All heavy atoms as atom14 arrays in JSON, in Angstrom:
{
  "sequence": "VAEGVQATWLAVAVGLVLLAIGQLVAVPVTAALGNGGAIAEAAVSWL",
  "atom14_mask": [
    [1, 1, 1, 1, 1, 1, 1, 0, 0, 0, 0, 0, 0, 0],
    [1, 1, 1, 1, 1, 0, 0, 0, 0, 0, 0, 0, 0, 0],
    [1, 1, 1, 1, 1, 1, 1, 1, 1, 0, 0, 0, 0, 0],
    [1, 1, 1, 1, 0, 0, 0, 0, 0, 0, 0, 0, 0, 0],
    [1, 1, 1, 1, 1, 1, 1, 0, 0, 0, 0, 0, 0, 0],
    [1, 1, 1, 1, 1, 1, 1, 1, 1, 0, 0, 0, 0, 0],
    [1, 1, 1, 1, 1, 0, 0, 0, 0, 0, 0, 0, 0, 0],
    [1, 1, 1, 1, 1, 1, 1, 0, 0, 0, 0, 0, 0, 0],
    [1, 1, 1, 1, 1, 1, 1, 1, 1, 1, 1, 1, 1, 1],
    [1, 1, 1, 1, 1, 1, 1, 1, 0, 0, 0, 0, 0, 0],
    [1, 1, 1, 1, 1, 0, 0, 0, 0, 0, 0, 0, 0, 0],
    [1, 1, 1, 1, 1, 1, 1, 0, 0, 0, 0, 0, 0, 0],
    [1, 1, 1, 1, 1, 0, 0, 0, 0, 0, 0, 0, 0, 0],
    [1, 1, 1, 1, 1, 1, 1, 0, 0, 0, 0, 0, 0, 0],
    [1, 1, 1, 1, 0, 0, 0, 0, 0, 0, 0, 0, 0, 0],
    [1, 1, 1, 1, 1, 1, 1, 1, 0, 0, 0, 0, 0, 0],
    [1, 1, 1, 1, 1, 1, 1, 0, 0, 0, 0, 0, 0, 0],
    [1, 1, 1, 1, 1, 1, 1, 1, 0, 0, 0, 0, 0, 0],
    [1, 1, 1, 1, 1, 1, 1, 1, 0, 0, 0, 0, 0, 0],
    [1, 1, 1, 1, 1, 0, 0, 0, 0, 0, 0, 0, 0, 0],
    [1, 1, 1, 1, 1, 1, 1, 1, 0, 0, 0, 0, 0, 0],
    [1, 1, 1, 1, 0, 0, 0, 0, 0, 0, 0, 0, 0, 0],
    [1, 1, 1, 1, 1, 1, 1, 1, 1, 0, 0, 0, 0, 0],
    [1, 1, 1, 1, 1, 1, 1, 1, 0, 0, 0, 0, 0, 0],
    [1, 1, 1, 1, 1, 1, 1, 0, 0, 0, 0, 0, 0, 0],
    [1, 1, 1, 1, 1, 0, 0, 0, 0, 0, 0, 0, 0, 0],
    [1, 1, 1, 1, 1, 1, 1, 0, 0, 0, 0, 0, 0, 0],
    [1, 1, 1, 1, 1, 1, 1, 0, 0, 0, 0, 0, 0, 0],
    [1, 1, 1, 1, 1, 1, 1, 0, 0, 0, 0, 0, 0, 0],
    [1, 1, 1, 1, 1, 1, 1, 0, 0, 0, 0, 0, 0, 0],
    [1, 1, 1, 1, 1, 0, 0, 0, 0, 0, 0, 0, 0, 0],
    [1, 1, 1, 1, 1, 0, 0, 0, 0, 0, 0, 0, 0, 0],
    [1, 1, 1, 1, 1, 1, 1, 1, 0, 0, 0, 0, 0, 0],
    [1, 1, 1, 1, 0, 0, 0, 0, 0, 0, 0, 0, 0, 0],
    [1, 1, 1, 1, 1, 1, 1, 1, 0, 0, 0, 0, 0, 0],
    [1, 1, 1, 1, 0, 0, 0, 0, 0, 0, 0, 0, 0, 0],
    [1, 1, 1, 1, 0, 0, 0, 0, 0, 0, 0, 0, 0, 0],
    [1, 1, 1, 1, 1, 0, 0, 0, 0, 0, 0, 0, 0, 0],
    [1, 1, 1, 1, 1, 1, 1, 1, 0, 0, 0, 0, 0, 0],
    [1, 1, 1, 1, 1, 0, 0, 0, 0, 0, 0, 0, 0, 0],
    [1, 1, 1, 1, 1, 1, 1, 1, 1, 0, 0, 0, 0, 0],
    [1, 1, 1, 1, 1, 0, 0, 0, 0, 0, 0, 0, 0, 0],
    [1, 1, 1, 1, 1, 0, 0, 0, 0, 0, 0, 0, 0, 0],
    [1, 1, 1, 1, 1, 1, 1, 0, 0, 0, 0, 0, 0, 0],
    [1, 1, 1, 1, 1, 1, 0, 0, 0, 0, 0, 0, 0, 0],
    [1, 1, 1, 1, 1, 1, 1, 1, 1, 1, 1, 1, 1, 1],
    [1, 1, 1, 1, 1, 1, 1, 1, 0, 0, 0, 0, 0, 0]
  ],
  "atom14_positions": [
    [[-22.44, 19.41, -46.14], [-21.29, 20.27, -45.85], [-21.3, 21.49, -46.75], [-20.94, 22.61, -46.34], [-19.97, 19.48, -46.0], [-18.77, 20.4, -45.78], [-19.93, 18.33, -45.01], [0.0, 0.0, 0.0], [0.0, 0.0, 0.0], [0.0, 0.0, 0.0], [0.0, 0.0, 0.0], [0.0, 0.0, 0.0], [0.0, 0.0, 0.0], [0.0, 0.0, 0.0]],
    [[-21.71, 21.32, -48.01], [-21.79, 22.45, -48.95], [-22.73, 23.53, -48.44], [-22.54, 24.72, -48.73], [-22.23, 21.96, -50.32], [0.0, 0.0, 0.0], [0.0, 0.0, 0.0], [0.0, 0.0, 0.0], [0.0, 0.0, 0.0], [0.0, 0.0, 0.0], [0.0, 0.0, 0.0], [0.0, 0.0, 0.0], [0.0, 0.0, 0.0], [0.0, 0.0, 0.0]],
    [[-23.75, 23.13, -47.67], [-24.62, 24.13, -47.04], [-23.8, 25.04, -46.12], [-24.05, 26.24, -46.03], [-25.72, 23.44, -46.23], [-26.74, 22.69, -47.05], [-27.71, 23.62, -47.77], [-27.94, 24.74, -47.28], [-28.23, 23.21, -48.83], [0.0, 0.0, 0.0], [0.0, 0.0, 0.0], [0.0, 0.0, 0.0], [0.0, 0.0, 0.0], [0.0, 0.0, 0.0]],
    [[-22.81, 24.46, -45.45], [-21.96, 25.25, -44.56], [-21.08, 26.24, -45.31], [-20.84, 27.35, -44.83], [0.0, 0.0, 0.0], [0.0, 0.0, 0.0], [0.0, 0.0, 0.0], [0.0, 0.0, 0.0], [0.0, 0.0, 0.0], [0.0, 0.0, 0.0], [0.0, 0.0, 0.0], [0.0, 0.0, 0.0], [0.0, 0.0, 0.0], [0.0, 0.0, 0.0]],
    [[-20.62, 25.87, -46.49], [-19.8, 26.78, -47.31], [-20.61, 28.02, -47.67], [-20.16, 29.16, -47.51], [-19.3, 26.08, -48.58], [-18.58, 27.07, -49.49], [-18.38, 24.92, -48.24], [0.0, 0.0, 0.0], [0.0, 0.0, 0.0], [0.0, 0.0, 0.0], [0.0, 0.0, 0.0], [0.0, 0.0, 0.0], [0.0, 0.0, 0.0], [0.0, 0.0, 0.0]],
    [[-21.82, 27.78, -48.16], [-22.64, 28.92, -48.6], [-23.1, 29.76, -47.4], [-23.18, 30.99, -47.51], [-23.85, 28.41, -49.39], [-23.46, 27.55, -50.59], [-22.35, 28.17, -51.43], [-22.43, 29.35, -51.8], [-21.31, 27.4, -51.73], [0.0, 0.0, 0.0], [0.0, 0.0, 0.0], [0.0, 0.0, 0.0], [0.0, 0.0, 0.0], [0.0, 0.0, 0.0]],
    [[-23.38, 29.12, -46.27], [-23.73, 29.87, -45.06], [-22.57, 30.73, -44.59], [-22.76, 31.85, -44.08], [-24.16, 28.91, -43.96], [0.0, 0.0, 0.0], [0.0, 0.0, 0.0], [0.0, 0.0, 0.0], [0.0, 0.0, 0.0], [0.0, 0.0, 0.0], [0.0, 0.0, 0.0], [0.0, 0.0, 0.0], [0.0, 0.0, 0.0], [0.0, 0.0, 0.0]],
    [[-21.35, 30.25, -44.77], [-20.17, 31.02, -44.38], [-19.99, 32.25, -45.27], [-19.65, 33.34, -44.8], [-18.91, 30.13, -44.42], [-19.1, 29.04, -43.52], [-17.67, 30.92, -44.01], [0.0, 0.0, 0.0], [0.0, 0.0, 0.0], [0.0, 0.0, 0.0], [0.0, 0.0, 0.0], [0.0, 0.0, 0.0], [0.0, 0.0, 0.0], [0.0, 0.0, 0.0]],
    [[-20.22, 32.07, -46.59], [-20.18, 33.24, -47.48], [-21.22, 34.28, -47.07], [-20.95, 35.48, -47.04], [-20.43, 32.81, -48.93], [-19.23, 32.23, -49.62], [-19.05, 30.94, -50.04], [-18.02, 32.92, -49.96], [-17.81, 30.79, -50.62], [-17.15, 31.98, -50.59], [-17.57, 34.23, -49.8], [-15.88, 32.32, -51.05], [-16.31, 34.58, -50.26], [-15.49, 33.63, -50.88]],
    [[-22.41, 33.83, -46.73], [-23.44, 34.75, -46.26], [-23.01, 35.45, -44.98], [-23.25, 36.64, -44.79], [-24.75, 33.99, -46.02], [-25.61, 33.65, -47.23], [-26.8, 32.8, -46.81], [-26.09, 34.91, -47.94], [0.0, 0.0, 0.0], [0.0, 0.0, 0.0], [0.0, 0.0, 0.0], [0.0, 0.0, 0.0], [0.0, 0.0, 0.0], [0.0, 0.0, 0.0]],
    [[-22.36, 34.71, -44.09], [-21.9, 35.27, -42.81], [-20.93, 36.42, -43.03], [-21.02, 37.47, -42.38], [-21.26, 34.18, -41.96], [0.0, 0.0, 0.0], [0.0, 0.0, 0.0], [0.0, 0.0, 0.0], [0.0, 0.0, 0.0], [0.0, 0.0, 0.0], [0.0, 0.0, 0.0], [0.0, 0.0, 0.0], [0.0, 0.0, 0.0], [0.0, 0.0, 0.0]],
    [[-19.99, 36.22, -43.95], [-19.0, 37.26, -44.23], [-19.67, 38.5, -44.81], [-19.44, 39.64, -44.35], [-17.91, 36.73, -45.19], [-16.98, 37.86, -45.61], [-17.11, 35.62, -44.52], [0.0, 0.0, 0.0], [0.0, 0.0, 0.0], [0.0, 0.0, 0.0], [0.0, 0.0, 0.0], [0.0, 0.0, 0.0], [0.0, 0.0, 0.0], [0.0, 0.0, 0.0]],
    [[-20.51, 38.3, -45.81], [-21.15, 39.43, -46.49], [-22.06, 40.21, -45.54], [-21.96, 41.44, -45.43], [-21.94, 38.93, -47.7], [0.0, 0.0, 0.0], [0.0, 0.0, 0.0], [0.0, 0.0, 0.0], [0.0, 0.0, 0.0], [0.0, 0.0, 0.0], [0.0, 0.0, 0.0], [0.0, 0.0, 0.0], [0.0, 0.0, 0.0], [0.0, 0.0, 0.0]],
    [[-22.93, 39.51, -44.86], [-23.88, 40.18, -43.98], [-23.16, 40.77, -42.77], [-23.5, 41.86, -42.3], [-24.98, 39.19, -43.53], [-25.91, 39.85, -42.53], [-25.76, 38.7, -44.74], [0.0, 0.0, 0.0], [0.0, 0.0, 0.0], [0.0, 0.0, 0.0], [0.0, 0.0, 0.0], [0.0, 0.0, 0.0], [0.0, 0.0, 0.0], [0.0, 0.0, 0.0]],
    [[-22.15, 40.07, -42.27], [-21.4, 40.58, -41.13], [-20.72, 41.9, -41.4], [-20.72, 42.8, -40.55], [0.0, 0.0, 0.0], [0.0, 0.0, 0.0], [0.0, 0.0, 0.0], [0.0, 0.0, 0.0], [0.0, 0.0, 0.0], [0.0, 0.0, 0.0], [0.0, 0.0, 0.0], [0.0, 0.0, 0.0], [0.0, 0.0, 0.0], [0.0, 0.0, 0.0]],
    [[-20.15, 42.05, -42.59], [-19.49, 43.31, -42.94], [-20.5, 44.45, -43.06], [-20.24, 45.59, -42.65], [-18.71, 43.14, -44.24], [-17.47, 42.24, -44.14], [-16.86, 42.02, -45.52], [-16.42, 42.84, -43.19], [0.0, 0.0, 0.0], [0.0, 0.0, 0.0], [0.0, 0.0, 0.0], [0.0, 0.0, 0.0], [0.0, 0.0, 0.0], [0.0, 0.0, 0.0]],
    [[-21.67, 44.14, -43.62], [-22.72, 45.16, -43.73], [-23.18, 45.61, -42.34], [-23.31, 46.81, -42.05], [-23.92, 44.63, -44.55], [-25.09, 45.6, -44.48], [-23.5, 44.41, -45.99], [0.0, 0.0, 0.0], [0.0, 0.0, 0.0], [0.0, 0.0, 0.0], [0.0, 0.0, 0.0], [0.0, 0.0, 0.0], [0.0, 0.0, 0.0], [0.0, 0.0, 0.0]],
    [[-23.42, 44.65, -41.45], [-23.86, 44.98, -40.1], [-22.79, 45.75, -39.33], [-23.1, 46.65, -38.54], [-24.23, 43.7, -39.34], [-25.5, 42.99, -39.79], [-25.69, 41.7, -39.0], [-26.71, 43.9, -39.6], [0.0, 0.0, 0.0], [0.0, 0.0, 0.0], [0.0, 0.0, 0.0], [0.0, 0.0, 0.0], [0.0, 0.0, 0.0], [0.0, 0.0, 0.0]],
    [[-21.53, 45.41, -39.56], [-20.43, 46.14, -38.92], [-20.45, 47.6, -39.32], [-20.35, 48.5, -38.46], [-19.1, 45.49, -39.3], [-17.82, 46.27, -38.98], [-17.73, 46.56, -37.48], [-16.59, 45.5, -39.45], [0.0, 0.0, 0.0], [0.0, 0.0, 0.0], [0.0, 0.0, 0.0], [0.0, 0.0, 0.0], [0.0, 0.0, 0.0], [0.0, 0.0, 0.0]],
    [[-20.6, 47.87, -40.61], [-20.61, 49.24, -41.09], [-21.81, 50.02, -40.55], [-21.68, 51.15, -40.05], [-20.62, 49.26, -42.62], [0.0, 0.0, 0.0], [0.0, 0.0, 0.0], [0.0, 0.0, 0.0], [0.0, 0.0, 0.0], [0.0, 0.0, 0.0], [0.0, 0.0, 0.0], [0.0, 0.0, 0.0], [0.0, 0.0, 0.0], [0.0, 0.0, 0.0]],
    [[-22.98, 49.39, -40.61], [-24.18, 50.07, -40.11], [-24.08, 50.31, -38.6], [-24.44, 51.39, -38.1], [-25.44, 49.23, -40.43], [-25.65, 49.18, -41.95], [-26.67, 49.81, -39.75], [-26.76, 48.24, -42.37], [0.0, 0.0, 0.0], [0.0, 0.0, 0.0], [0.0, 0.0, 0.0], [0.0, 0.0, 0.0], [0.0, 0.0, 0.0], [0.0, 0.0, 0.0]],
    [[-23.59, 49.32, -37.89], [-23.47, 49.44, -36.45], [-22.58, 50.59, -36.02], [-22.9, 51.33, -35.07], [0.0, 0.0, 0.0], [0.0, 0.0, 0.0], [0.0, 0.0, 0.0], [0.0, 0.0, 0.0], [0.0, 0.0, 0.0], [0.0, 0.0, 0.0], [0.0, 0.0, 0.0], [0.0, 0.0, 0.0], [0.0, 0.0, 0.0], [0.0, 0.0, 0.0]],
    [[-21.47, 50.76, -36.72], [-20.57, 51.86, -36.38], [-21.23, 53.21, -36.64], [-21.03, 54.17, -35.9], [-19.27, 51.75, -37.17], [-18.42, 50.53, -36.82], [-17.8, 50.6, -35.43], [-17.88, 51.61, -34.74], [-17.18, 49.51, -35.0], [0.0, 0.0, 0.0], [0.0, 0.0, 0.0], [0.0, 0.0, 0.0], [0.0, 0.0, 0.0], [0.0, 0.0, 0.0]],
    [[-22.05, 53.28, -37.68], [-22.71, 54.55, -38.01], [-23.76, 54.94, -36.98], [-23.94, 56.14, -36.69], [-23.37, 54.44, -39.4], [-22.42, 54.41, -40.6], [-23.2, 54.15, -41.88], [-21.66, 55.74, -40.71], [0.0, 0.0, 0.0], [0.0, 0.0, 0.0], [0.0, 0.0, 0.0], [0.0, 0.0, 0.0], [0.0, 0.0, 0.0], [0.0, 0.0, 0.0]],
    [[-24.45, 53.96, -36.43], [-25.58, 54.29, -35.53], [-25.25, 54.06, -34.06], [-26.12, 54.23, -33.21], [-26.82, 53.46, -35.92], [-27.2, 53.7, -37.37], [-26.63, 51.97, -35.65], [0.0, 0.0, 0.0], [0.0, 0.0, 0.0], [0.0, 0.0, 0.0], [0.0, 0.0, 0.0], [0.0, 0.0, 0.0], [0.0, 0.0, 0.0], [0.0, 0.0, 0.0]],
    [[-24.02, 53.69, -33.75], [-23.67, 53.34, -32.36], [-24.0, 54.45, -31.38], [-24.59, 54.21, -30.31], [-22.19, 52.97, -32.28], [0.0, 0.0, 0.0], [0.0, 0.0, 0.0], [0.0, 0.0, 0.0], [0.0, 0.0, 0.0], [0.0, 0.0, 0.0], [0.0, 0.0, 0.0], [0.0, 0.0, 0.0], [0.0, 0.0, 0.0], [0.0, 0.0, 0.0]],
    [[-23.63, 55.69, -31.7], [-23.83, 56.8, -30.76], [-25.31, 57.1, -30.52], [-25.77, 57.12, -29.37], [-23.08, 58.06, -31.23], [-23.45, 59.26, -30.35], [-21.57, 57.82, -31.18], [0.0, 0.0, 0.0], [0.0, 0.0, 0.0], [0.0, 0.0, 0.0], [0.0, 0.0, 0.0], [0.0, 0.0, 0.0], [0.0, 0.0, 0.0], [0.0, 0.0, 0.0]],
    [[-26.12, 57.32, -31.57], [-27.54, 57.63, -31.29], [-28.3, 56.48, -30.64], [-29.18, 56.72, -29.79], [-28.11, 57.97, -32.67], [-27.16, 57.4, -33.65], [-25.82, 57.45, -33.02], [0.0, 0.0, 0.0], [0.0, 0.0, 0.0], [0.0, 0.0, 0.0], [0.0, 0.0, 0.0], [0.0, 0.0, 0.0], [0.0, 0.0, 0.0], [0.0, 0.0, 0.0]],
    [[-27.99, 55.24, -31.01], [-28.73, 54.13, -30.44], [-28.4, 53.93, -28.97], [-29.29, 53.73, -28.13], [-28.46, 52.83, -31.24], [-29.08, 51.63, -30.54], [-29.03, 52.95, -32.64], [0.0, 0.0, 0.0], [0.0, 0.0, 0.0], [0.0, 0.0, 0.0], [0.0, 0.0, 0.0], [0.0, 0.0, 0.0], [0.0, 0.0, 0.0], [0.0, 0.0, 0.0]],
    [[-27.13, 53.99, -28.62], [-26.77, 53.83, -27.21], [-27.28, 55.01, -26.38], [-27.66, 54.84, -25.21], [-25.24, 53.71, -27.03], [-24.59, 54.8, -27.7], [-24.72, 52.4, -27.57], [0.0, 0.0, 0.0], [0.0, 0.0, 0.0], [0.0, 0.0, 0.0], [0.0, 0.0, 0.0], [0.0, 0.0, 0.0], [0.0, 0.0, 0.0], [0.0, 0.0, 0.0]],
    [[-27.32, 56.2, -26.98], [-27.87, 57.36, -26.27], [-29.36, 57.17, -25.98], [-29.84, 57.49, -24.89], [-27.65, 58.63, -27.08], [0.0, 0.0, 0.0], [0.0, 0.0, 0.0], [0.0, 0.0, 0.0], [0.0, 0.0, 0.0], [0.0, 0.0, 0.0], [0.0, 0.0, 0.0], [0.0, 0.0, 0.0], [0.0, 0.0, 0.0], [0.0, 0.0, 0.0]],
    [[-30.08, 56.61, -26.95], [-31.51, 56.39, -26.77], [-31.79, 55.32, -25.72], [-32.63, 55.51, -24.83], [-32.15, 55.99, -28.09], [0.0, 0.0, 0.0], [0.0, 0.0, 0.0], [0.0, 0.0, 0.0], [0.0, 0.0, 0.0], [0.0, 0.0, 0.0], [0.0, 0.0, 0.0], [0.0, 0.0, 0.0], [0.0, 0.0, 0.0], [0.0, 0.0, 0.0]],
    [[-31.05, 54.2, -25.8], [-31.28, 53.11, -24.85], [-30.72, 53.42, -23.48], [-31.28, 53.02, -22.46], [-30.67, 51.81, -25.38], [-31.35, 51.18, -26.58], [-30.62, 49.92, -26.99], [-32.81, 50.87, -26.27], [0.0, 0.0, 0.0], [0.0, 0.0, 0.0], [0.0, 0.0, 0.0], [0.0, 0.0, 0.0], [0.0, 0.0, 0.0], [0.0, 0.0, 0.0]],
    [[-29.58, 54.12, -23.43], [-28.94, 54.42, -22.16], [-29.42, 55.69, -21.51], [-28.9, 56.09, -20.45], [0.0, 0.0, 0.0], [0.0, 0.0, 0.0], [0.0, 0.0, 0.0], [0.0, 0.0, 0.0], [0.0, 0.0, 0.0], [0.0, 0.0, 0.0], [0.0, 0.0, 0.0], [0.0, 0.0, 0.0], [0.0, 0.0, 0.0], [0.0, 0.0, 0.0]],
    [[-30.4, 56.36, -22.13], [-30.97, 57.6, -21.57], [-29.91, 58.69, -21.46], [-29.97, 59.55, -20.58], [-31.6, 57.33, -20.2], [-32.64, 58.38, -19.84], [-33.24, 59.01, -20.71], [-32.84, 58.59, -18.55], [0.0, 0.0, 0.0], [0.0, 0.0, 0.0], [0.0, 0.0, 0.0], [0.0, 0.0, 0.0], [0.0, 0.0, 0.0], [0.0, 0.0, 0.0]],
    [[-28.91, 58.66, -22.36], [-27.88, 59.69, -22.38], [-26.94, 59.6, -21.18], [-26.99, 58.67, -20.39], [0.0, 0.0, 0.0], [0.0, 0.0, 0.0], [0.0, 0.0, 0.0], [0.0, 0.0, 0.0], [0.0, 0.0, 0.0], [0.0, 0.0, 0.0], [0.0, 0.0, 0.0], [0.0, 0.0, 0.0], [0.0, 0.0, 0.0], [0.0, 0.0, 0.0]],
    [[-26.04, 60.54, -21.05], [-25.18, 60.65, -19.89], [-24.09, 59.59, -19.83], [-23.66, 59.03, -20.84], [0.0, 0.0, 0.0], [0.0, 0.0, 0.0], [0.0, 0.0, 0.0], [0.0, 0.0, 0.0], [0.0, 0.0, 0.0], [0.0, 0.0, 0.0], [0.0, 0.0, 0.0], [0.0, 0.0, 0.0], [0.0, 0.0, 0.0], [0.0, 0.0, 0.0]],
    [[-23.66, 59.28, -18.59], [-22.5, 58.41, -18.37], [-22.76, 56.98, -18.84], [-21.85, 56.31, -19.35], [-22.13, 58.42, -16.89], [0.0, 0.0, 0.0], [0.0, 0.0, 0.0], [0.0, 0.0, 0.0], [0.0, 0.0, 0.0], [0.0, 0.0, 0.0], [0.0, 0.0, 0.0], [0.0, 0.0, 0.0], [0.0, 0.0, 0.0], [0.0, 0.0, 0.0]],
    [[-23.96, 56.48, -18.67], [-24.27, 55.1, -19.09], [-24.11, 54.97, -20.6], [-23.5, 54.02, -21.1], [-25.69, 54.7, -18.65], [-25.78, 54.63, -17.12], [-26.07, 53.35, -19.26], [-27.17, 54.31, -16.61], [0.0, 0.0, 0.0], [0.0, 0.0, 0.0], [0.0, 0.0, 0.0], [0.0, 0.0, 0.0], [0.0, 0.0, 0.0], [0.0, 0.0, 0.0]],
    [[-24.65, 55.92, -21.35], [-24.54, 55.88, -22.81], [-23.09, 56.0, -23.26], [-22.68, 55.32, -24.21], [-25.39, 56.99, -23.42], [0.0, 0.0, 0.0], [0.0, 0.0, 0.0], [0.0, 0.0, 0.0], [0.0, 0.0, 0.0], [0.0, 0.0, 0.0], [0.0, 0.0, 0.0], [0.0, 0.0, 0.0], [0.0, 0.0, 0.0], [0.0, 0.0, 0.0]],
    [[-22.31, 56.84, -22.61], [-20.89, 56.99, -22.98], [-20.14, 55.69, -22.76], [-19.3, 55.28, -23.59], [-20.27, 58.12, -22.16], [-20.77, 59.5, -22.54], [-20.15, 60.59, -21.66], [-19.25, 60.26, -20.87], [-20.58, 61.75, -21.77], [0.0, 0.0, 0.0], [0.0, 0.0, 0.0], [0.0, 0.0, 0.0], [0.0, 0.0, 0.0], [0.0, 0.0, 0.0]],
    [[-20.41, 55.03, -21.64], [-19.75, 53.75, -21.38], [-20.17, 52.71, -22.4], [-19.35, 51.93, -22.91], [-20.09, 53.28, -19.96], [0.0, 0.0, 0.0], [0.0, 0.0, 0.0], [0.0, 0.0, 0.0], [0.0, 0.0, 0.0], [0.0, 0.0, 0.0], [0.0, 0.0, 0.0], [0.0, 0.0, 0.0], [0.0, 0.0, 0.0], [0.0, 0.0, 0.0]],
    [[-21.45, 52.71, -22.74], [-21.97, 51.72, -23.69], [-21.34, 51.86, -25.07], [-20.94, 50.87, -25.68], [-23.49, 51.84, -23.79], [0.0, 0.0, 0.0], [0.0, 0.0, 0.0], [0.0, 0.0, 0.0], [0.0, 0.0, 0.0], [0.0, 0.0, 0.0], [0.0, 0.0, 0.0], [0.0, 0.0, 0.0], [0.0, 0.0, 0.0], [0.0, 0.0, 0.0]],
    [[-21.23, 53.07, -25.57], [-20.72, 53.25, -26.93], [-19.24, 52.89, -27.03], [-18.78, 52.37, -28.05], [-20.99, 54.68, -27.43], [-20.01, 55.69, -26.82], [-20.91, 54.74, -28.96], [0.0, 0.0, 0.0], [0.0, 0.0, 0.0], [0.0, 0.0, 0.0], [0.0, 0.0, 0.0], [0.0, 0.0, 0.0], [0.0, 0.0, 0.0], [0.0, 0.0, 0.0]],
    [[-18.48, 53.12, -25.96], [-17.05, 52.77, -26.0], [-16.86, 51.26, -26.13], [-15.96, 50.79, -26.85], [-16.35, 53.28, -24.73], [-16.79, 52.58, -23.58], [0.0, 0.0, 0.0], [0.0, 0.0, 0.0], [0.0, 0.0, 0.0], [0.0, 0.0, 0.0], [0.0, 0.0, 0.0], [0.0, 0.0, 0.0], [0.0, 0.0, 0.0], [0.0, 0.0, 0.0]],
    [[-17.7, 50.49, -25.46], [-17.62, 49.03, -25.54], [-18.15, 48.53, -26.88], [-17.56, 47.66, -27.52], [-18.44, 48.41, -24.4], [-18.3, 46.93, -24.24], [-17.42, 46.27, -23.42], [-19.07, 45.91, -24.89], [-17.6, 44.91, -23.53], [-18.61, 44.67, -24.43], [-20.11, 45.94, -25.81], [-19.14, 43.46, -24.85], [-20.66, 44.74, -26.25], [-20.17, 43.51, -25.77]],
    [[-19.26, 49.12, -27.33], [-19.93, 48.62, -28.53], [-19.09, 48.81, -29.78], [-19.07, 47.94, -30.66], [-21.27, 49.33, -28.69], [-22.16, 48.85, -29.84], [-22.51, 47.37, -29.67], [-23.42, 49.69, -29.95], [0.0, 0.0, 0.0], [0.0, 0.0, 0.0], [0.0, 0.0, 0.0], [0.0, 0.0, 0.0], [0.0, 0.0, 0.0], [0.0, 0.0, 0.0]]
  ]
}
């Protein structure tokens, strides 16, 4: 069970880092994958 405690601490720490990075790169990454235009705009609003 103690393995679960430490895994949860890792989840919180890594999750917050990924959240911050994701918000920073959301627009360029969705534009690249969505080939720009309406598809990319829809994708970034959801992401």
